[in-house]
Amino acid sequence: MTTATTATESARINLRTSPEAKALIERAAAIMGSTVSSFMLQNAYEAARRIVADKDTLMLSQQAFEAFVATCENPAEPTEALRKLMALR
């Protein structure tokens, strides 16, 4: 059985890294005045958000957008093949 996660609950992420990477992350966190955990979470979260947004966002040129809107506003008449397909439901 699954339960909904509330804002007060937390989940753990464990990582293994090289001593060099750990030292650099610790240094960067200190420069930012942050804990290592907060630094890593903030930066990983922002990177994940950007990646997901890039995947979920469709970019169109102005010309392509205008063609899309025009097609939506003035759709073509359904073909006989489409009518037959829709009748199969």
PDB file of N, CA and C in Angstrom:
ATOM      1  N   MET A   1       0.846  -1.183   0.000  1.00  0.00           N
ATOM      2  CA  MET A   1       0.000   0.000   0.000  1.00  0.00           C
ATOM      3  C   MET A   1       0.888   1.242   0.000  1.00  0.00           C
ATOM      4  N   THR A   2       0.573   2.196  -0.857  1.00  0.00           N
ATOM      5  CA  THR A   2       1.358   3.426  -0.930  1.00  0.00           C
ATOM      6  C   THR A   2       0.632   4.533  -0.188  1.00  0.00           C
ATOM      7  N   THR A   3       1.395   5.461   0.315  1.00  0.00           N
ATOM      8  CA  THR A   3       0.830   6.616   0.988  1.00  0.00           C
ATOM      9  C   THR A   3       1.307   7.874   0.289  1.00  0.00           C
ATOM     10  N   ALA A   4       0.514   8.916   0.382  1.00  0.00           N
ATOM     11  CA  ALA A   4       0.903  10.196  -0.220  1.00  0.00           C
ATOM     12  C   ALA A   4       2.017  10.822   0.602  1.00  0.00           C
ATOM     13  N   THR A   5       2.959  11.443  -0.079  1.00  0.00           N
ATOM     14  CA  THR A   5       4.055  12.133   0.596  1.00  0.00           C
ATOM     15  C   THR A   5       3.609  13.545   0.929  1.00  0.00           C
ATOM     16  N   THR A   6       3.801  13.944   2.166  1.00  0.00           N
ATOM     17  CA  THR A   6       3.454  15.308   2.568  1.00  0.00           C
ATOM     18  C   THR A   6       4.698  16.173   2.543  1.00  0.00           C
ATOM     19  N   ALA A   7       4.498  17.461   2.712  1.00  0.00           N
ATOM     20  CA  ALA A   7       5.609  18.407   2.672  1.00  0.00           C
ATOM     21  C   ALA A   7       6.593  18.186   3.809  1.00  0.00           C
ATOM     22  N   THR A   8       6.167  17.564   4.900  1.00  0.00           N
ATOM     23  CA  THR A   8       7.062  17.369   6.041  1.00  0.00           C
ATOM     24  C   THR A   8       7.856  16.068   5.957  1.00  0.00           C
ATOM     25  N   GLU A   9       7.474  15.187   5.038  1.00  0.00           N
ATOM     26  CA  GLU A   9       8.212  13.938   4.893  1.00  0.00           C
ATOM     27  C   GLU A   9       9.460  14.174   4.047  1.00  0.00           C
ATOM     28  N   SER A  10      10.427  13.295   4.198  1.00  0.00           N
ATOM     29  CA  SER A  10      11.635  13.405   3.388  1.00  0.00           C
ATOM     30  C   SER A  10      12.060  12.027   2.923  1.00  0.00           C
ATOM     31  N   ALA A  11      12.867  12.008   1.892  1.00  0.00           N
ATOM     32  CA  ALA A  11      13.399  10.767   1.345  1.00  0.00           C
ATOM     33  C   ALA A  11      14.910  10.902   1.251  1.00  0.00           C
ATOM     34  N   ARG A  12      15.578   9.800   1.389  1.00  0.00           N
ATOM     35  CA  ARG A  12      17.039   9.803   1.403  1.00  0.00           C
ATOM     36  C   ARG A  12      17.575   9.436   0.021  1.00  0.00           C
ATOM     37  N   ILE A  13      18.662  10.098  -0.365  1.00  0.00           N
ATOM     38  CA  ILE A  13      19.425   9.761  -1.567  1.00  0.00           C
ATOM     39  C   ILE A  13      20.861   9.542  -1.114  1.00  0.00           C
ATOM     40  N   ASN A  14      21.397   8.387  -1.415  1.00  0.00           N
ATOM     41  CA  ASN A  14      22.788   8.094  -1.054  1.00  0.00           C
ATOM     42  C   ASN A  14      23.652   8.143  -2.308  1.00  0.00           C
ATOM     43  N   LEU A  15      24.825   8.736  -2.185  1.00  0.00           N
ATOM     44  CA  LEU A  15      25.743   8.862  -3.315  1.00  0.00           C
ATOM     45  C   LEU A  15      27.126   8.380  -2.916  1.00  0.00           C
ATOM     46  N   ARG A  16      27.830   7.855  -3.885  1.00  0.00           N
ATOM     47  CA  ARG A  16      29.240   7.533  -3.694  1.00  0.00           C
ATOM     48  C   ARG A  16      30.006   8.342  -4.726  1.00  0.00           C
ATOM     49  N   THR A  17      31.153   8.867  -4.326  1.00  0.00           N
ATOM     50  CA  THR A  17      31.942   9.682  -5.240  1.00  0.00           C
ATOM     51  C   THR A  17      33.420   9.550  -4.887  1.00  0.00           C
ATOM     52  N   SER A  18      34.228  10.161  -5.712  1.00  0.00           N
ATOM     53  CA  SER A  18      35.665  10.149  -5.446  1.00  0.00           C
ATOM     54  C   SER A  18      35.996  11.170  -4.363  1.00  0.00           C
ATOM     55  N   PRO A  19      37.115  10.992  -3.691  1.00  0.00           N
ATOM     56  CA  PRO A  19      37.517  11.987  -2.682  1.00  0.00           C
ATOM     57  C   PRO A  19      37.695  13.379  -3.290  1.00  0.00           C
ATOM     58  N   GLU A  20      38.172  13.434  -4.525  1.00  0.00           N
ATOM     59  CA  GLU A  20      38.376  14.739  -5.184  1.00  0.00           C
ATOM     60  C   GLU A  20      37.042  15.444  -5.420  1.00  0.00           C
ATOM     61  N   ALA A  21      36.050  14.693  -5.912  1.00  0.00           N
ATOM     62  CA  ALA A  21      34.738  15.294  -6.160  1.00  0.00           C
ATOM     63  C   ALA A  21      34.102  15.741  -4.852  1.00  0.00           C
ATOM     64  N   LYS A  22      34.249  14.925  -3.818  1.00  0.00           N
ATOM     65  CA  LYS A  22      33.691  15.274  -2.506  1.00  0.00           C
ATOM     66  C   LYS A  22      34.320  16.557  -1.985  1.00  0.00           C
ATOM     67  N   ALA A  23      35.623  16.671  -2.103  1.00  0.00           N
ATOM     68  CA  ALA A  23      36.321  17.867  -1.618  1.00  0.00           C
ATOM     69  C   ALA A  23      35.868  19.105  -2.380  1.00  0.00           C
ATOM     70  N   LEU A  24      35.708  18.981  -3.684  1.00  0.00           N
ATOM     71  CA  LEU A  24      35.273  20.125  -4.499  1.00  0.00           C
ATOM     72  C   LEU A  24      33.854  20.533  -4.138  1.00  0.00           C
ATOM     73  N   ILE A  25      32.972  19.561  -3.954  1.00  0.00           N
ATOM     74  CA  ILE A  25      31.587  19.860  -3.571  1.00  0.00           C
ATOM     75  C   ILE A  25      31.542  20.514  -2.201  1.00  0.00           C
ATOM     76  N   GLU A  26      32.332  20.008  -1.264  1.00  0.00           N
ATOM     77  CA  GLU A  26      32.395  20.619   0.061  1.00  0.00           C
ATOM     78  C   GLU A  26      32.896  22.053  -0.015  1.00  0.00           C
ATOM     79  N   ARG A  27      33.879  22.292  -0.854  1.00  0.00           N
ATOM     80  CA  ARG A  27      34.416  23.654  -1.007  1.00  0.00           C
ATOM     81  C   ARG A  27      33.360  24.585  -1.609  1.00  0.00           C
ATOM     82  N   ALA A  28      32.680  24.100  -2.648  1.00  0.00           N
ATOM     83  CA  ALA A  28      31.644  24.918  -3.282  1.00  0.00           C
ATOM     84  C   ALA A  28      30.517  25.218  -2.303  1.00  0.00           C
ATOM     85  N   ALA A  29      30.117  24.226  -1.519  1.00  0.00           N
ATOM     86  CA  ALA A  29      29.060  24.440  -0.527  1.00  0.00           C
ATOM     87  C   ALA A  29      29.494  25.486   0.499  1.00  0.00           C
ATOM     88  N   ALA A  30      30.740  25.400   0.939  1.00  0.00           N
ATOM     89  CA  ALA A  30      31.247  26.376   1.910  1.00  0.00           C
ATOM     90  C   ALA A  30      31.251  27.776   1.321  1.00  0.00           C
ATOM     91  N   ILE A  31      31.664  27.904   0.070  1.00  0.00           N
ATOM     92  CA  ILE A  31      31.673  29.218  -0.589  1.00  0.00           C
ATOM     93  C   ILE A  31      30.265  29.799  -0.646  1.00  0.00           C
ATOM     94  N   MET A  32      29.284  28.937  -0.871  1.00  0.00           N
ATOM     95  CA  MET A  32      27.896  29.384  -0.952  1.00  0.00           C
ATOM     96  C   MET A  32      27.257  29.553   0.431  1.00  0.00           C
ATOM     97  N   GLY A  33      27.992  29.200   1.484  1.00  0.00           N
ATOM     98  CA  GLY A  33      27.442  29.307   2.836  1.00  0.00           C
ATOM     99  C   GLY A  33      26.344  28.294   3.088  1.00  0.00           C
ATOM    100  N   SER A  34      26.512  27.117   2.520  1.00  0.00           N
ATOM    101  CA  SER A  34      25.483  26.089   2.575  1.00  0.00           C
ATOM    102  C   SER A  34      26.077  24.790   3.100  1.00  0.00           C
ATOM    103  N   THR A  35      25.206  23.893   3.539  1.00  0.00           N
ATOM    104  CA  THR A  35      25.676  22.552   3.868  1.00  0.00           C
ATOM    105  C   THR A  35      25.868  21.788   2.566  1.00  0.00           C
ATOM    106  N   VAL A  36      26.638  20.716   2.634  1.00  0.00           N
ATOM    107  CA  VAL A  36      26.829  19.885   1.445  1.00  0.00           C
ATOM    108  C   VAL A  36      25.488  19.332   0.964  1.00  0.00           C
ATOM    109  N   SER A  37      24.678  18.857   1.884  1.00  0.00           N
ATOM    110  CA  SER A  37      23.372  18.307   1.505  1.00  0.00           C
ATOM    111  C   SER A  37      22.506  19.353   0.813  1.00  0.00           C
ATOM    112  N   SER A  38      22.412  20.533   1.397  1.00  0.00           N
ATOM    113  CA  SER A  38      21.598  21.600   0.791  1.00  0.00           C
ATOM    114  C   SER A  38      22.144  22.006  -0.572  1.00  0.00           C
ATOM    115  N   PHE A  39      23.468  22.136  -0.666  1.00  0.00           N
ATOM    116  CA  PHE A  39      24.101  22.507  -1.923  1.00  0.00           C
ATOM    117  C   PHE A  39      23.799  21.475  -3.003  1.00  0.00           C
ATOM    118  N   MET A  40      23.980  20.207  -2.662  1.00  0.00           N
ATOM    119  CA  MET A  40      23.754  19.154  -3.653  1.00  0.00           C
ATOM    120  C   MET A  40      22.288  19.065  -4.039  1.00  0.00           C
ATOM    121  N   LEU A  41      21.389  19.145  -3.076  1.00  0.00           N
ATOM    122  CA  LEU A  41      19.967  19.067  -3.361  1.00  0.00           C
ATOM    123  C   LEU A  41      19.518  20.221  -4.244  1.00  0.00           C
ATOM    124  N   GLN A  42      19.919  21.427  -3.896  1.00  0.00           N
ATOM    125  CA  GLN A  42      19.516  22.595  -4.677  1.00  0.00           C
ATOM    126  C   GLN A  42      20.001  22.484  -6.118  1.00  0.00           C
ATOM    127  N   ASN A  43      21.268  22.131  -6.305  1.00  0.00           N
ATOM    128  CA  ASN A  43      21.823  22.060  -7.650  1.00  0.00           C
ATOM    129  C   ASN A  43      21.293  20.871  -8.447  1.00  0.00           C
ATOM    130  N   ALA A  44      21.115  19.734  -7.813  1.00  0.00           N
ATOM    131  CA  ALA A  44      20.547  18.577  -8.498  1.00  0.00           C
ATOM    132  C   ALA A  44      19.092  18.837  -8.869  1.00  0.00           C
ATOM    133  N   TYR A  45      18.348  19.448  -7.964  1.00  0.00           N
ATOM    134  CA  TYR A  45      16.945  19.759  -8.219  1.00  0.00           C
ATOM    135  C   TYR A  45      16.800  20.724  -9.393  1.00  0.00           C
ATOM    136  N   GLU A  46      17.612  21.773  -9.404  1.00  0.00           N
ATOM    137  CA  GLU A  46      17.545  22.745 -10.501  1.00  0.00           C
ATOM    138  C   GLU A  46      17.923  22.098 -11.836  1.00  0.00           C
ATOM    139  N   ALA A  47      18.948  21.256 -11.833  1.00  0.00           N
ATOM    140  CA  ALA A  47      19.336  20.560 -13.069  1.00  0.00           C
ATOM    141  C   ALA A  47      18.211  19.642 -13.534  1.00  0.00           C
ATOM    142  N   ALA A  48      17.605  18.924 -12.616  1.00  0.00           N
ATOM    143  CA  ALA A  48      16.503  18.023 -12.966  1.00  0.00           C
ATOM    144  C   ALA A  48      15.315  18.806 -13.505  1.00  0.00           C
ATOM    145  N   ARG A  49      15.012  19.934 -12.882  1.00  0.00           N
ATOM    146  CA  ARG A  49      13.896  20.775 -13.340  1.00  0.00           C
ATOM    147  C   ARG A  49      14.129  21.268 -14.763  1.00  0.00           C
ATOM    148  N   ARG A  50      15.359  21.702 -15.058  1.00  0.00           N
ATOM    149  CA  ARG A  50      15.683  22.170 -16.413  1.00  0.00           C
ATOM    150  C   ARG A  50      15.557  21.046 -17.432  1.00  0.00           C
ATOM    151  N   ILE A  51      16.069  19.871 -17.093  1.00  0.00           N
ATOM    152  CA  ILE A  51      16.014  18.733 -18.017  1.00  0.00           C
ATOM    153  C   ILE A  51      14.571  18.353 -18.312  1.00  0.00           C
ATOM    154  N   VAL A  52      13.748  18.273 -17.274  1.00  0.00           N
ATOM    155  CA  VAL A  52      12.345  17.914 -17.467  1.00  0.00           C
ATOM    156  C   VAL A  52      11.623  19.001 -18.259  1.00  0.00           C
ATOM    157  N   ALA A  53      11.882  20.262 -17.955  1.00  0.00           N
ATOM    158  CA  ALA A  53      11.250  21.361 -18.684  1.00  0.00           C
ATOM    159  C   ALA A  53      11.649  21.335 -20.156  1.00  0.00           C
ATOM    160  N   ASP A  54      12.920  21.063 -20.430  1.00  0.00           N
ATOM    161  CA  ASP A  54      13.365  20.974 -21.827  1.00  0.00           C
ATOM    162  C   ASP A  54      12.659  19.844 -22.553  1.00  0.00           C
ATOM    163  N   LYS A  55      12.437  18.736 -21.870  1.00  0.00           N
ATOM    164  CA  LYS A  55      11.770  17.582 -22.472  1.00  0.00           C
ATOM    165  C   LYS A  55      10.290  17.862 -22.693  1.00  0.00           C
ATOM    166  N   ASP A  56       9.672  18.592 -21.779  1.00  0.00           N
ATOM    167  CA  ASP A  56       8.238  18.837 -21.819  1.00  0.00           C
ATOM    168  C   ASP A  56       7.834  20.079 -22.609  1.00  0.00           C
ATOM    169  N   THR A  57       8.801  20.859 -23.071  1.00  0.00           N
ATOM    170  CA  THR A  57       8.515  22.110 -23.763  1.00  0.00           C
ATOM    171  C   THR A  57       8.743  21.953 -25.254  1.00  0.00           C
ATOM    172  N   LEU A  58       7.774  22.366 -26.016  1.00  0.00           N
ATOM    173  CA  LEU A  58       7.869  22.331 -27.475  1.00  0.00           C
ATOM    174  C   LEU A  58       8.086  23.757 -27.969  1.00  0.00           C
ATOM    175  N   MET A  59       9.187  23.974 -28.663  1.00  0.00           N
ATOM    176  CA  MET A  59       9.494  25.300 -29.188  1.00  0.00           C
ATOM    177  C   MET A  59       9.143  25.350 -30.669  1.00  0.00           C
ATOM    178  N   LEU A  60       8.414  26.376 -31.064  1.00  0.00           N
ATOM    179  CA  LEU A  60       8.045  26.573 -32.465  1.00  0.00           C
ATOM    180  C   LEU A  60       8.495  27.949 -32.921  1.00  0.00           C
ATOM    181  N   SER A  61       8.839  28.033 -34.190  1.00  0.00           N
ATOM    182  CA  SER A  61       9.091  29.357 -34.761  1.00  0.00           C
ATOM    183  C   SER A  61       7.751  30.088 -34.832  1.00  0.00           C
ATOM    184  N   GLN A  62       7.792  31.380 -35.012  1.00  0.00           N
ATOM    185  CA  GLN A  62       6.549  32.153 -35.126  1.00  0.00           C
ATOM    186  C   GLN A  62       5.712  31.649 -36.289  1.00  0.00           C
ATOM    187  N   GLN A  63       6.365  31.334 -37.399  1.00  0.00           N
ATOM    188  CA  GLN A  63       5.656  30.846 -38.588  1.00  0.00           C
ATOM    189  C   GLN A  63       4.987  29.494 -38.303  1.00  0.00           C
ATOM    190  N   ALA A  64       5.694  28.583 -37.649  1.00  0.00           N
ATOM    191  CA  ALA A  64       5.121  27.271 -37.326  1.00  0.00           C
ATOM    192  C   ALA A  64       3.973  27.414 -36.327  1.00  0.00           C
ATOM    193  N   PHE A  65       4.118  28.315 -35.355  1.00  0.00           N
ATOM    194  CA  PHE A  65       3.055  28.541 -34.381  1.00  0.00           C
ATOM    195  C   PHE A  65       1.800  29.078 -35.067  1.00  0.00           C
ATOM    196  N   GLU A  66       1.984  30.033 -35.960  1.00  0.00           N
ATOM    197  CA  GLU A  66       0.838  30.605 -36.672  1.00  0.00           C
ATOM    198  C   GLU A  66       0.154  29.542 -37.532  1.00  0.00           C
ATOM    199  N   ALA A  67       0.928  28.666 -38.172  1.00  0.00           N
ATOM    200  CA  ALA A  67       0.346  27.583 -38.968  1.00  0.00           C
ATOM    201  C   ALA A  67      -0.420  26.619 -38.073  1.00  0.00           C
ATOM    202  N   PHE A  68       0.122  26.306 -36.897  1.00  0.00           N
ATOM    203  CA  PHE A  68      -0.548  25.428 -35.941  1.00  0.00           C
ATOM    204  C   PHE A  68      -1.879  26.030 -35.498  1.00  0.00           C
ATOM    205  N   VAL A  69      -1.870  27.302 -35.117  1.00  0.00           N
ATOM    206  CA  VAL A  69      -3.087  27.967 -34.662  1.00  0.00           C
ATOM    207  C   VAL A  69      -4.116  28.003 -35.790  1.00  0.00           C
ATOM    208  N   ALA A  70      -3.687  28.316 -36.997  1.00  0.00           N
ATOM    209  CA  ALA A  70      -4.612  28.361 -38.128  1.00  0.00           C
ATOM    210  C   ALA A  70      -5.243  26.992 -38.375  1.00  0.00           C
ATOM    211  N   THR A  71      -4.462  25.938 -38.252  1.00  0.00           N
ATOM    212  CA  THR A  71      -4.983  24.588 -38.447  1.00  0.00           C
ATOM    213  C   THR A  71      -5.973  24.234 -37.345  1.00  0.00           C
ATOM    214  N   CYS A  72      -5.687  24.631 -36.125  1.00  0.00           N
ATOM    215  CA  CYS A  72      -6.616  24.363 -35.020  1.00  0.00           C
ATOM    216  C   CYS A  72      -7.921  25.138 -35.189  1.00  0.00           C
ATOM    217  N   GLU A  73      -7.814  26.357 -35.663  1.00  0.00           N
ATOM    218  CA  GLU A  73      -9.005  27.187 -35.827  1.00  0.00           C
ATOM    219  C   GLU A  73      -9.828  26.797 -37.046  1.00  0.00           C
ATOM    220  N   ASN A  74      -9.184  26.218 -38.045  1.00  0.00           N
ATOM    221  CA  ASN A  74      -9.865  25.824 -39.282  1.00  0.00           C
ATOM    222  C   ASN A  74      -9.464  24.403 -39.662  1.00  0.00           C
ATOM    223  N   PRO A  75      -9.940  23.416 -38.904  1.00  0.00           N
ATOM    224  CA  PRO A  75      -9.519  22.038 -39.195  1.00  0.00           C
ATOM    225  C   PRO A  75     -10.068  21.555 -40.536  1.00  0.00           C
ATOM    226  N   ALA A  76      -9.348  20.635 -41.146  1.00  0.00           N
ATOM    227  CA  ALA A  76      -9.790  20.035 -42.402  1.00  0.00           C
ATOM    228  C   ALA A  76     -10.993  19.145 -42.134  1.00  0.00           C
ATOM    229  N   GLU A  77     -11.813  18.949 -43.170  1.00  0.00           N
ATOM    230  CA  GLU A  77     -12.944  18.037 -43.054  1.00  0.00           C
ATOM    231  C   GLU A  77     -12.414  16.621 -42.877  1.00  0.00           C
ATOM    232  N   PRO A  78     -13.076  15.807 -42.041  1.00  0.00           N
ATOM    233  CA  PRO A  78     -12.605  14.435 -41.856  1.00  0.00           C
ATOM    234  C   PRO A  78     -12.726  13.624 -43.149  1.00  0.00           C
ATOM    235  N   THR A  79     -11.731  12.801 -43.381  1.00  0.00           N
ATOM    236  CA  THR A  79     -11.747  11.935 -44.562  1.00  0.00           C
ATOM    237  C   THR A  79     -12.631  10.719 -44.284  1.00  0.00           C
ATOM    238  N   GLU A  80     -12.953   9.993 -45.343  1.00  0.00           N
ATOM    239  CA  GLU A  80     -13.753   8.778 -45.186  1.00  0.00           C
ATOM    240  C   GLU A  80     -13.029   7.772 -44.297  1.00  0.00           C
ATOM    241  N   ALA A  81     -11.691   7.666 -44.454  1.00  0.00           N
ATOM    242  CA  ALA A  81     -10.908   6.739 -43.634  1.00  0.00           C
ATOM    243  C   ALA A  81     -11.004   7.119 -42.162  1.00  0.00           C
ATOM    244  N   LEU A  82     -10.965   8.394 -41.846  1.00  0.00           N
ATOM    245  CA  LEU A  82     -11.090   8.837 -40.464  1.00  0.00           C
ATOM    246  C   LEU A  82     -12.482   8.538 -39.926  1.00  0.00           C
ATOM    247  N   ARG A  83     -13.502   8.768 -40.728  1.00  0.00           N
ATOM    248  CA  ARG A  83     -14.868   8.463 -40.290  1.00  0.00           C
ATOM    249  C   ARG A  83     -15.018   6.978 -39.965  1.00  0.00           C
ATOM    250  N   LYS A  84     -14.441   6.113 -40.815  1.00  0.00           N
ATOM    251  CA  LYS A  84     -14.500   4.662 -40.575  1.00  0.00           C
ATOM    252  C   LYS A  84     -13.751   4.300 -39.306  1.00  0.00           C
ATOM    253  N   LEU A  85     -12.588   4.908 -39.129  1.00  0.00           N
ATOM    254  CA  LEU A  85     -11.796   4.639 -37.932  1.00  0.00           C
ATOM    255  C   LEU A  85     -12.542   5.038 -36.673  1.00  0.00           C
ATOM    256  N   MET A  86     -13.163   6.196 -36.679  1.00  0.00           N
ATOM    257  CA  MET A  86     -13.884   6.680 -35.519  1.00  0.00           C
ATOM    258  C   MET A  86     -15.146   5.836 -35.248  1.00  0.00           C
ATOM    259  N   ALA A  87     -15.698   5.222 -36.280  1.00  0.00           N
ATOM    260  CA  ALA A  87     -16.891   4.386 -36.117  1.00  0.00           C
ATOM    261  C   ALA A  87     -16.543   3.057 -35.448  1.00  0.00           C
ATOM    262  N   LEU A  88     -15.267   2.684 -35.390  1.00  0.00           N
ATOM    263  CA  LEU A  88     -14.838   1.416 -34.794  1.00  0.00           C
ATOM    264  C   LEU A  88     -14.923   1.411 -33.275  1.00  0.00           C
ATOM    265  N   ARG A  89     -15.076   2.534 -32.662  1.00  0.00           N
ATOM    266  CA  ARG A  89     -15.058   2.594 -31.208  1.00  0.00           C
ATOM    267  C   ARG A  89     -16.138   1.780 -30.662  1.00  0.00           C
TER     268      ARG A  89
END
